[in-house]
Amino acid sequence: MTGTFERIEDVEIRLLLEALYHRYHYDFRNYAMSSIRRRLRQAREDFGLATITAIQEKVLHDPDMLPQLLRYLTVQVSEMFRDPSYFRAIREKVVPHLRTYPSLKVWIAGCSTGEELYSFVILFREEGLEDRTIFYATDISPEALTQAEAGIYDVDRMRLFTENHRNAGGKTSLSDYYHSGYNQCILDKSLRRNVVFSDHSLVTDQVFGEMHFVSCRNVMIYFDRALQDRAIGLFRDALPRNGFLGLGAKETLRFSEHADSFREFVREEKIYQRTEKCPT
């Protein structure tokens, strides 16, 4: 009986994902089914609905339901200087290469609510590169982008952020970049002066410019293999020769059809460098 229920549920999920694509142009059809199923079950429970089909009916006829559903379908869990060793490797091994460019463009793909973006901006400020850099922060969730642009975080998260910053080789105090009040911390608006926030989907959109560094961490683990290859292809096309790509700890280029376009630059931190494609 359980198997029958799950088969019916999978049909409902696929119909819902098709409906989202055709009605709102959000394409989750090639996301990993196990992850989508888990998130939609949680959404169904939280919405107090009996079936996935009931979610589909509500979201098709009530556009205000869409942002609520996107909270479940998009990953919005992050922290500033998450995995400090990743940022330390950028500071110590990547930044010396970036210093050789008169201007820089950095793309934070899947920026969620902005924690990783601001980590990059602070790091680049500390290394004297901020003024020559444009940061592109993209996500498919308008609500996440709004939160990212606001730069407001709960004060009880700042202890972890501060520890991460210190372990990432921070040269200043993180408290220099925010002020607090009413149990919230507001990041200094100067951190956003060189940032462009924009809606962008790795599933359906194309490259929008040449970048010197692309950071996309803990996003592709929710994609199937074909969609992972599409995203990596976008990053390849966005990066010039010797440009850098940073992935999450559980992500790799090893099985990608684009693997020959990159070399491992800092293996343990999943930082890759764009090379000229090997001849075929």
C-alpha atoms as a PDB file:
ATOM      1  CA  MET A   1       0.000   0.000   0.000  1.00  0.00           C
ATOM      2  CA  THR A   2       2.875   2.320   0.822  1.00  0.00           C
ATOM      3  CA  GLY A   3       4.410   1.723  -2.590  1.00  0.00           C
ATOM      4  CA  THR A   4       1.138   2.589  -4.309  1.00  0.00           C
ATOM      5  CA  PHE A   5       0.846   5.812  -2.301  1.00  0.00           C
ATOM      6  CA  GLU A   6       4.386   6.863  -3.195  1.00  0.00           C
ATOM      7  CA  ARG A   7       3.812   6.148  -6.887  1.00  0.00           C
ATOM      8  CA  ILE A   8       0.666   8.289  -6.850  1.00  0.00           C
ATOM      9  CA  GLU A   9       2.499  10.981  -4.905  1.00  0.00           C
ATOM     10  CA  ASP A  10       5.317  11.011  -7.477  1.00  0.00           C
ATOM     11  CA  VAL A  11       2.749  11.548 -10.230  1.00  0.00           C
ATOM     12  CA  GLU A  12       1.268  14.433  -8.245  1.00  0.00           C
ATOM     13  CA  ILE A  13       4.725  15.944  -7.759  1.00  0.00           C
ATOM     14  CA  ARG A  14       5.573  15.778 -11.455  1.00  0.00           C
ATOM     15  CA  LEU A  15       2.248  17.381 -12.356  1.00  0.00           C
ATOM     16  CA  LEU A  16       2.865  20.146  -9.814  1.00  0.00           C
ATOM     17  CA  LEU A  17       6.353  20.820 -11.190  1.00  0.00           C
ATOM     18  CA  GLU A  18       4.967  20.966 -14.732  1.00  0.00           C
ATOM     19  CA  ALA A  19       2.280  23.381 -13.550  1.00  0.00           C
ATOM     20  CA  LEU A  20       4.872  25.630 -11.883  1.00  0.00           C
ATOM     21  CA  TYR A  21       6.917  25.703 -15.069  1.00  0.00           C
ATOM     22  CA  HIS A  22       4.027  26.487 -17.418  1.00  0.00           C
ATOM     23  CA  ARG A  23       2.261  28.935 -15.094  1.00  0.00           C
ATOM     24  CA  TYR A  24       5.205  30.800 -13.526  1.00  0.00           C
ATOM     25  CA  HIS A  25       8.299  29.670 -15.497  1.00  0.00           C
ATOM     26  CA  TYR A  26      10.013  28.212 -12.433  1.00  0.00           C
ATOM     27  CA  ASP A  27      11.597  24.946 -13.518  1.00  0.00           C
ATOM     28  CA  PHE A  28      12.200  22.346 -10.806  1.00  0.00           C
ATOM     29  CA  ARG A  29      11.562  19.378 -13.106  1.00  0.00           C
ATOM     30  CA  ASN A  30      15.173  18.180 -13.081  1.00  0.00           C
ATOM     31  CA  TYR A  31      15.820  18.646  -9.392  1.00  0.00           C
ATOM     32  CA  ALA A  32      16.590  15.462  -7.474  1.00  0.00           C
ATOM     33  CA  MET A  33      13.250  13.780  -6.771  1.00  0.00           C
ATOM     34  CA  SER A  34      14.181  12.657  -3.257  1.00  0.00           C
ATOM     35  CA  SER A  35      14.875  16.254  -2.220  1.00  0.00           C
ATOM     36  CA  ILE A  36      11.769  17.678  -3.905  1.00  0.00           C
ATOM     37  CA  ARG A  37       9.570  14.965  -2.386  1.00  0.00           C
ATOM     38  CA  ARG A  38      10.864  15.685   1.109  1.00  0.00           C
ATOM     39  CA  ARG A  39      10.320  19.449   0.779  1.00  0.00           C
ATOM     40  CA  LEU A  40       6.839  19.129  -0.701  1.00  0.00           C
ATOM     41  CA  ARG A  41       5.758  16.742   2.028  1.00  0.00           C
ATOM     42  CA  GLN A  42       6.841  19.338   4.580  1.00  0.00           C
ATOM     43  CA  ALA A  43       5.002  22.069   2.663  1.00  0.00           C
ATOM     44  CA  ARG A  44       1.829  19.974   2.474  1.00  0.00           C
ATOM     45  CA  GLU A  45       1.958  19.371   6.214  1.00  0.00           C
ATOM     46  CA  ASP A  46       2.645  23.023   7.066  1.00  0.00           C
ATOM     47  CA  PHE A  47      -0.103  24.242   4.729  1.00  0.00           C
ATOM     48  CA  GLY A  48      -2.568  21.811   6.323  1.00  0.00           C
ATOM     49  CA  LEU A  49      -3.388  20.155   3.007  1.00  0.00           C
ATOM     50  CA  ALA A  50      -4.187  16.505   2.368  1.00  0.00           C
ATOM     51  CA  THR A  51      -2.370  16.013  -0.943  1.00  0.00           C
ATOM     52  CA  ILE A  52       0.264  17.452  -3.261  1.00  0.00           C
ATOM     53  CA  THR A  53      -2.558  17.974  -5.763  1.00  0.00           C
ATOM     54  CA  ALA A  54      -4.143  20.380  -3.292  1.00  0.00           C
ATOM     55  CA  ILE A  55      -0.924  22.431  -3.336  1.00  0.00           C
ATOM     56  CA  GLN A  56      -1.090  22.509  -7.127  1.00  0.00           C
ATOM     57  CA  GLU A  57      -4.657  23.760  -7.111  1.00  0.00           C
ATOM     58  CA  LYS A  58      -3.865  26.550  -4.670  1.00  0.00           C
ATOM     59  CA  VAL A  59      -0.681  27.733  -6.366  1.00  0.00           C
ATOM     60  CA  LEU A  60      -2.280  27.745  -9.840  1.00  0.00           C
ATOM     61  CA  HIS A  61      -5.209  29.902  -8.759  1.00  0.00           C
ATOM     62  CA  ASP A  62      -3.543  32.077  -6.116  1.00  0.00           C
ATOM     63  CA  PRO A  63      -0.284  33.801  -7.195  1.00  0.00           C
ATOM     64  CA  ASP A  64       0.245  34.891  -3.574  1.00  0.00           C
ATOM     65  CA  MET A  65       0.816  31.224  -2.780  1.00  0.00           C
ATOM     66  CA  LEU A  66       3.890  31.061  -5.011  1.00  0.00           C
ATOM     67  CA  PRO A  67       6.385  32.840  -2.684  1.00  0.00           C
ATOM     68  CA  GLN A  68       5.277  30.591   0.154  1.00  0.00           C
ATOM     69  CA  LEU A  69       5.908  27.461  -1.912  1.00  0.00           C
ATOM     70  CA  LEU A  70       9.258  28.747  -3.169  1.00  0.00           C
ATOM     71  CA  ARG A  71      10.480  28.886   0.421  1.00  0.00           C
ATOM     72  CA  TYR A  72      10.258  25.103   0.473  1.00  0.00           C
ATOM     73  CA  LEU A  73      11.566  24.419  -3.028  1.00  0.00           C
ATOM     74  CA  THR A  74      14.626  26.657  -2.828  1.00  0.00           C
ATOM     75  CA  VAL A  75      17.477  26.099  -0.389  1.00  0.00           C
ATOM     76  CA  GLN A  76      17.868  29.084   1.910  1.00  0.00           C
ATOM     77  CA  VAL A  77      20.178  27.803   4.611  1.00  0.00           C
ATOM     78  CA  SER A  78      23.510  29.591   4.825  1.00  0.00           C
ATOM     79  CA  GLU A  79      25.845  31.457   7.120  1.00  0.00           C
ATOM     80  CA  MET A  80      28.550  34.051   6.756  1.00  0.00           C
ATOM     81  CA  PHE A  81      31.989  32.559   6.017  1.00  0.00           C
ATOM     82  CA  ARG A  82      30.461  29.089   6.005  1.00  0.00           C
ATOM     83  CA  ASP A  83      33.282  26.532   5.809  1.00  0.00           C
ATOM     84  CA  PRO A  84      35.967  29.040   6.858  1.00  0.00           C
ATOM     85  CA  SER A  85      38.750  27.057   5.205  1.00  0.00           C
ATOM     86  CA  TYR A  86      37.124  27.769   1.819  1.00  0.00           C
ATOM     87  CA  PHE A  87      37.385  31.510   2.377  1.00  0.00           C
ATOM     88  CA  ARG A  88      40.884  31.208   3.820  1.00  0.00           C
ATOM     89  CA  ALA A  89      41.954  29.393   0.639  1.00  0.00           C
ATOM     90  CA  ILE A  90      40.443  32.185  -1.466  1.00  0.00           C
ATOM     91  CA  ARG A  91      42.252  34.794   0.637  1.00  0.00           C
ATOM     92  CA  GLU A  92      45.621  33.047   0.559  1.00  0.00           C
ATOM     93  CA  LYS A  93      45.674  31.321  -2.850  1.00  0.00           C
ATOM     94  CA  VAL A  94      43.143  32.952  -5.179  1.00  0.00           C
ATOM     95  CA  VAL A  95      43.391  36.622  -4.204  1.00  0.00           C
ATOM     96  CA  PRO A  96      47.067  36.904  -5.294  1.00  0.00           C
ATOM     97  CA  HIS A  97      45.933  35.993  -8.833  1.00  0.00           C
ATOM     98  CA  LEU A  98      42.952  38.346  -8.724  1.00  0.00           C
ATOM     99  CA  ARG A  99      45.202  41.252  -7.724  1.00  0.00           C
ATOM    100  CA  THR A 100      46.694  41.212 -11.222  1.00  0.00           C
ATOM    101  CA  TYR A 101      43.401  42.373 -12.800  1.00  0.00           C
ATOM    102  CA  PRO A 102      42.503  46.086 -12.990  1.00  0.00           C
ATOM    103  CA  SER A 103      38.804  45.241 -12.526  1.00  0.00           C
ATOM    104  CA  LEU A 104      36.968  42.154 -11.321  1.00  0.00           C
ATOM    105  CA  LYS A 105      33.551  40.532 -11.555  1.00  0.00           C
ATOM    106  CA  VAL A 106      32.373  37.962  -9.024  1.00  0.00           C
ATOM    107  CA  TRP A 107      29.186  35.917  -9.371  1.00  0.00           C
ATOM    108  CA  ILE A 108      27.517  34.394  -6.307  1.00  0.00           C
ATOM    109  CA  ALA A 109      25.089  31.966  -7.963  1.00  0.00           C
ATOM    110  CA  GLY A 110      22.241  30.852  -5.717  1.00  0.00           C
ATOM    111  CA  CYS A 111      23.004  33.593  -3.200  1.00  0.00           C
ATOM    112  CA  SER A 112      19.967  32.778  -1.038  1.00  0.00           C
ATOM    113  CA  THR A 113      19.583  35.392   1.714  1.00  0.00           C
ATOM    114  CA  GLY A 114      23.010  36.926   1.137  1.00  0.00           C
ATOM    115  CA  GLU A 115      25.326  35.489   3.764  1.00  0.00           C
ATOM    116  CA  GLU A 116      27.881  34.204   1.249  1.00  0.00           C
ATOM    117  CA  LEU A 117      27.700  37.393  -0.795  1.00  0.00           C
ATOM    118  CA  TYR A 118      28.588  39.578   2.178  1.00  0.00           C
ATOM    119  CA  SER A 119      31.369  37.182   3.127  1.00  0.00           C
ATOM    120  CA  PHE A 120      32.950  37.811  -0.265  1.00  0.00           C
ATOM    121  CA  VAL A 121      32.480  41.573  -0.064  1.00  0.00           C
ATOM    122  CA  ILE A 122      34.077  41.746   3.389  1.00  0.00           C
ATOM    123  CA  LEU A 123      36.957  39.517   2.324  1.00  0.00           C
ATOM    124  CA  PHE A 124      37.569  41.627  -0.780  1.00  0.00           C
ATOM    125  CA  ARG A 125      37.424  44.816   1.288  1.00  0.00           C
ATOM    126  CA  GLU A 126      39.989  43.447   3.711  1.00  0.00           C
ATOM    127  CA  GLU A 127      42.228  42.503   0.785  1.00  0.00           C
ATOM    128  CA  GLY A 128      41.871  45.876  -0.940  1.00  0.00           C
ATOM    129  CA  LEU A 129      39.935  44.518  -3.930  1.00  0.00           C
ATOM    130  CA  GLU A 130      36.398  45.706  -3.221  1.00  0.00           C
ATOM    131  CA  ASP A 131      36.623  49.029  -5.039  1.00  0.00           C
ATOM    132  CA  ARG A 132      37.617  47.361  -8.310  1.00  0.00           C
ATOM    133  CA  THR A 133      35.006  44.571  -8.059  1.00  0.00           C
ATOM    134  CA  ILE A 134      31.385  44.205  -9.124  1.00  0.00           C
ATOM    135  CA  PHE A 135      29.539  41.433  -7.289  1.00  0.00           C
ATOM    136  CA  TYR A 136      26.553  39.750  -8.937  1.00  0.00           C
ATOM    137  CA  ALA A 137      24.214  38.068  -6.452  1.00  0.00           C
ATOM    138  CA  THR A 138      21.592  35.895  -8.145  1.00  0.00           C
ATOM    139  CA  ASP A 139      18.832  33.571  -7.020  1.00  0.00           C
ATOM    140  CA  ILE A 140      15.495  32.297  -8.330  1.00  0.00           C
ATOM    141  CA  SER A 141      13.619  33.394  -5.209  1.00  0.00           C
ATOM    142  CA  PRO A 142      12.467  37.040  -5.172  1.00  0.00           C
ATOM    143  CA  GLU A 143      11.883  36.780  -1.432  1.00  0.00           C
ATOM    144  CA  ALA A 144      15.440  35.558  -0.808  1.00  0.00           C
ATOM    145  CA  LEU A 145      16.847  38.371  -2.941  1.00  0.00           C
ATOM    146  CA  THR A 146      14.824  40.920  -0.975  1.00  0.00           C
ATOM    147  CA  GLN A 147      16.250  39.562   2.273  1.00  0.00           C
ATOM    148  CA  ALA A 148      19.747  39.536   0.824  1.00  0.00           C
ATOM    149  CA  GLU A 149      19.489  43.146  -0.263  1.00  0.00           C
ATOM    150  CA  ALA A 150      18.225  44.167   3.180  1.00  0.00           C
ATOM    151  CA  GLY A 151      21.241  42.568   4.884  1.00  0.00           C
ATOM    152  CA  ILE A 152      19.460  42.013   8.196  1.00  0.00           C
ATOM    153  CA  TYR A 153      20.180  38.946  10.320  1.00  0.00           C
ATOM    154  CA  ASP A 154      19.193  37.744  13.781  1.00  0.00           C
ATOM    155  CA  VAL A 155      21.654  38.855  16.424  1.00  0.00           C
ATOM    156  CA  ASP A 156      21.971  35.330  17.809  1.00  0.00           C
ATOM    157  CA  ARG A 157      23.585  34.222  14.521  1.00  0.00           C
ATOM    158  CA  MET A 158      26.423  36.728  14.765  1.00  0.00           C
ATOM    159  CA  ARG A 159      28.494  34.739  17.242  1.00  0.00           C
ATOM    160  CA  LEU A 160      28.849  31.929  14.698  1.00  0.00           C
ATOM    161  CA  PHE A 161      29.429  34.411  11.871  1.00  0.00           C
ATOM    162  CA  THR A 162      32.151  36.106  13.920  1.00  0.00           C
ATOM    163  CA  GLU A 163      33.884  32.828  14.702  1.00  0.00           C
ATOM    164  CA  ASN A 164      33.743  31.805  11.029  1.00  0.00           C
ATOM    165  CA  HIS A 165      35.191  35.162   9.965  1.00  0.00           C
ATOM    166  CA  ARG A 166      38.078  34.817  12.391  1.00  0.00           C
ATOM    167  CA  ASN A 167      38.802  31.239  11.274  1.00  0.00           C
ATOM    168  CA  ALA A 168      38.685  32.387   7.646  1.00  0.00           C
ATOM    169  CA  GLY A 169      41.639  34.680   8.310  1.00  0.00           C
ATOM    170  CA  GLY A 170      39.637  37.858   8.897  1.00  0.00           C
ATOM    171  CA  LYS A 171      41.839  40.923   9.312  1.00  0.00           C
ATOM    172  CA  THR A 172      39.276  43.069  11.121  1.00  0.00           C
ATOM    173  CA  SER A 173      36.435  42.562  13.554  1.00  0.00           C
ATOM    174  CA  LEU A 174      33.165  41.482  11.968  1.00  0.00           C
ATOM    175  CA  SER A 175      31.411  43.966  14.251  1.00  0.00           C
ATOM    176  CA  ASP A 176      32.988  46.741  12.154  1.00  0.00           C
ATOM    177  CA  TYR A 177      30.513  45.874   9.397  1.00  0.00           C
ATOM    178  CA  TYR A 178      27.168  45.972  11.201  1.00  0.00           C
ATOM    179  CA  HIS A 179      25.166  47.657  13.911  1.00  0.00           C
ATOM    180  CA  SER A 180      22.623  45.928  16.119  1.00  0.00           C
ATOM    181  CA  GLY A 181      19.308  46.713  17.703  1.00  0.00           C
ATOM    182  CA  TYR A 182      16.010  45.011  18.539  1.00  0.00           C
ATOM    183  CA  ASN A 183      17.678  41.565  18.362  1.00  0.00           C
ATOM    184  CA  GLN A 184      18.791  42.144  14.774  1.00  0.00           C
ATOM    185  CA  CYS A 185      22.037  43.053  13.083  1.00  0.00           C
ATOM    186  CA  ILE A 186      21.992  45.325  10.046  1.00  0.00           C
ATOM    187  CA  LEU A 187      24.992  45.144   7.757  1.00  0.00           C
ATOM    188  CA  ASP A 188      26.518  48.453   6.723  1.00  0.00           C
ATOM    189  CA  LYS A 189      24.936  49.695   3.506  1.00  0.00           C
ATOM    190  CA  SER A 190      28.405  50.383   2.067  1.00  0.00           C
ATOM    191  CA  LEU A 191      28.782  46.626   1.625  1.00  0.00           C
ATOM    192  CA  ARG A 192      26.118  46.797  -1.104  1.00  0.00           C
ATOM    193  CA  ARG A 193      27.549  49.684  -3.111  1.00  0.00           C
ATOM    194  CA  ASN A 194      29.171  47.382  -5.700  1.00  0.00           C
ATOM    195  CA  VAL A 195      26.517  44.645  -5.659  1.00  0.00           C
ATOM    196  CA  VAL A 196      23.961  43.843  -8.348  1.00  0.00           C
ATOM    197  CA  PHE A 197      21.060  41.708  -7.115  1.00  0.00           C
ATOM    198  CA  SER A 198      19.206  39.859  -9.852  1.00  0.00           C
ATOM    199  CA  ASP A 199      16.811  37.008 -10.527  1.00  0.00           C
ATOM    200  CA  HIS A 200      18.611  34.251 -12.436  1.00  0.00           C
ATOM    201  CA  SER A 201      17.870  30.558 -12.903  1.00  0.00           C
ATOM    202  CA  LEU A 202      20.614  28.040 -13.552  1.00  0.00           C
ATOM    203  CA  VAL A 203      17.906  25.853 -15.057  1.00  0.00           C
ATOM    204  CA  THR A 204      16.517  28.147 -17.750  1.00  0.00           C
ATOM    205  CA  ASP A 205      18.665  31.302 -18.051  1.00  0.00           C
ATOM    206  CA  GLN A 206      21.915  31.931 -19.889  1.00  0.00           C
ATOM    207  CA  VAL A 207      25.272  33.523 -19.060  1.00  0.00           C
ATOM    208  CA  PHE A 208      24.983  37.293 -18.583  1.00  0.00           C
ATOM    209  CA  GLY A 209      28.644  38.337 -18.503  1.00  0.00           C
ATOM    210  CA  GLU A 210      32.275  37.341 -18.095  1.00  0.00           C
ATOM    211  CA  MET A 211      33.288  36.620 -14.496  1.00  0.00           C
ATOM    212  CA  HIS A 212      36.649  36.194 -12.802  1.00  0.00           C
ATOM    213  CA  PHE A 213      35.244  34.137  -9.922  1.00  0.00           C
ATOM    214  CA  VAL A 214      32.027  32.129  -9.696  1.00  0.00           C
ATOM    215  CA  SER A 215      30.960  30.717  -6.346  1.00  0.00           C
ATOM    216  CA  CYS A 216      28.042  28.274  -6.376  1.00  0.00           C
ATOM    217  CA  ARG A 217      28.044  26.143  -3.269  1.00  0.00           C
ATOM    218  CA  ASN A 218      25.510  23.605  -2.042  1.00  0.00           C
ATOM    219  CA  VAL A 219      23.117  24.289  -4.907  1.00  0.00           C
ATOM    220  CA  MET A 220      23.929  21.600  -7.461  1.00  0.00           C
ATOM    221  CA  ILE A 221      23.570  18.799  -4.911  1.00  0.00           C
ATOM    222  CA  TYR A 222      19.822  19.267  -5.438  1.00  0.00           C
ATOM    223  CA  PHE A 223      20.083  18.895  -9.240  1.00  0.00           C
ATOM    224  CA  ASP A 224      20.075  15.720 -11.298  1.00  0.00           C
ATOM    225  CA  ARG A 225      23.126  14.935 -13.449  1.00  0.00           C
ATOM    226  CA  ALA A 226      21.837  16.645 -16.612  1.00  0.00           C
ATOM    227  CA  LEU A 227      21.017  19.831 -14.740  1.00  0.00           C
ATOM    228  CA  GLN A 228      24.378  19.798 -12.966  1.00  0.00           C
ATOM    229  CA  ASP A 229      26.068  19.641 -16.358  1.00  0.00           C
ATOM    230  CA  ARG A 230      23.967  22.550 -17.592  1.00  0.00           C
ATOM    231  CA  ALA A 231      24.969  24.695 -14.626  1.00  0.00           C
ATOM    232  CA  ILE A 232      28.658  23.820 -14.941  1.00  0.00           C
ATOM    233  CA  GLY A 233      28.440  24.649 -18.632  1.00  0.00           C
ATOM    234  CA  LEU A 234      27.144  28.103 -17.724  1.00  0.00           C
ATOM    235  CA  PHE A 235      30.022  28.639 -15.328  1.00  0.00           C
ATOM    236  CA  ARG A 236      32.502  27.455 -17.940  1.00  0.00           C
ATOM    237  CA  ASP A 237      31.104  29.911 -20.465  1.00  0.00           C
ATOM    238  CA  ALA A 238      31.157  32.750 -17.930  1.00  0.00           C
ATOM    239  CA  LEU A 239      34.790  32.263 -16.948  1.00  0.00           C
ATOM    240  CA  PRO A 240      37.772  33.383 -19.024  1.00  0.00           C
ATOM    241  CA  ARG A 241      40.902  31.279 -19.124  1.00  0.00           C
ATOM    242  CA  ASN A 242      42.368  31.148 -15.577  1.00  0.00           C
ATOM    243  CA  GLY A 243      39.062  32.245 -14.004  1.00  0.00           C
ATOM    244  CA  PHE A 244      37.999  30.479 -10.785  1.00  0.00           C
ATOM    245  CA  LEU A 245      35.015  28.336  -9.799  1.00  0.00           C
ATOM    246  CA  GLY A 246      34.168  27.426  -6.202  1.00  0.00           C
ATOM    247  CA  LEU A 247      31.785  24.566  -5.393  1.00  0.00           C
ATOM    248  CA  GLY A 248      30.373  23.067  -2.212  1.00  0.00           C
ATOM    249  CA  ALA A 249      32.092  20.390  -0.157  1.00  0.00           C
ATOM    250  CA  LYS A 250      29.834  17.615  -1.539  1.00  0.00           C
ATOM    251  CA  GLU A 251      30.008  18.791  -5.154  1.00  0.00           C
ATOM    252  CA  THR A 252      32.527  17.880  -7.826  1.00  0.00           C
ATOM    253  CA  LEU A 253      33.348  18.285 -11.498  1.00  0.00           C
ATOM    254  CA  ARG A 254      34.697  14.743 -11.700  1.00  0.00           C
ATOM    255  CA  PHE A 255      31.776  13.256 -13.621  1.00  0.00           C
ATOM    256  CA  SER A 256      30.812  16.354 -15.580  1.00  0.00           C
ATOM    257  CA  GLU A 257      31.072  16.492 -19.355  1.00  0.00           C
ATOM    258  CA  HIS A 258      32.802  19.858 -18.817  1.00  0.00           C
ATOM    259  CA  ALA A 259      35.501  18.509 -16.483  1.00  0.00           C
ATOM    260  CA  ASP A 260      38.228  18.906 -19.093  1.00  0.00           C
ATOM    261  CA  SER A 261      37.631  22.666 -19.088  1.00  0.00           C
ATOM    262  CA  PHE A 262      38.904  22.981 -15.504  1.00  0.00           C
ATOM    263  CA  ARG A 263      41.815  21.964 -13.331  1.00  0.00           C
ATOM    264  CA  GLU A 264      41.828  21.496  -9.587  1.00  0.00           C
ATOM    265  CA  PHE A 265      43.304  24.612  -8.009  1.00  0.00           C
ATOM    266  CA  VAL A 266      42.655  23.917  -4.314  1.00  0.00           C
ATOM    267  CA  ARG A 267      41.469  20.328  -4.271  1.00  0.00           C
ATOM    268  CA  GLU A 268      40.378  20.086  -0.649  1.00  0.00           C
ATOM    269  CA  GLU A 269      38.216  23.222  -0.943  1.00  0.00           C
ATOM    270  CA  LYS A 270      36.671  22.383  -4.347  1.00  0.00           C
ATOM    271  CA  ILE A 271      38.150  25.466  -6.030  1.00  0.00           C
ATOM    272  CA  TYR A 272      38.797  24.988  -9.740  1.00  0.00           C
ATOM    273  CA  GLN A 273      40.514  27.081 -12.411  1.00  0.00           C
ATOM    274  CA  ARG A 274      39.280  27.443 -15.983  1.00  0.00           C
ATOM    275  CA  THR A 275      41.660  26.081 -18.594  1.00  0.00           C
ATOM    276  CA  GLU A 276      41.578  25.938 -22.336  1.00  0.00           C
ATOM    277  CA  LYS A 277      39.450  22.989 -23.329  1.00  0.00           C
ATOM    278  CA  CYS A 278      41.443  19.946 -24.259  1.00  0.00           C
ATOM    279  CA  PRO A 279      41.372  19.149 -27.974  1.00  0.00           C
ATOM    280  CA  THR A 280      38.926  16.426 -28.987  1.00  0.00           C
END
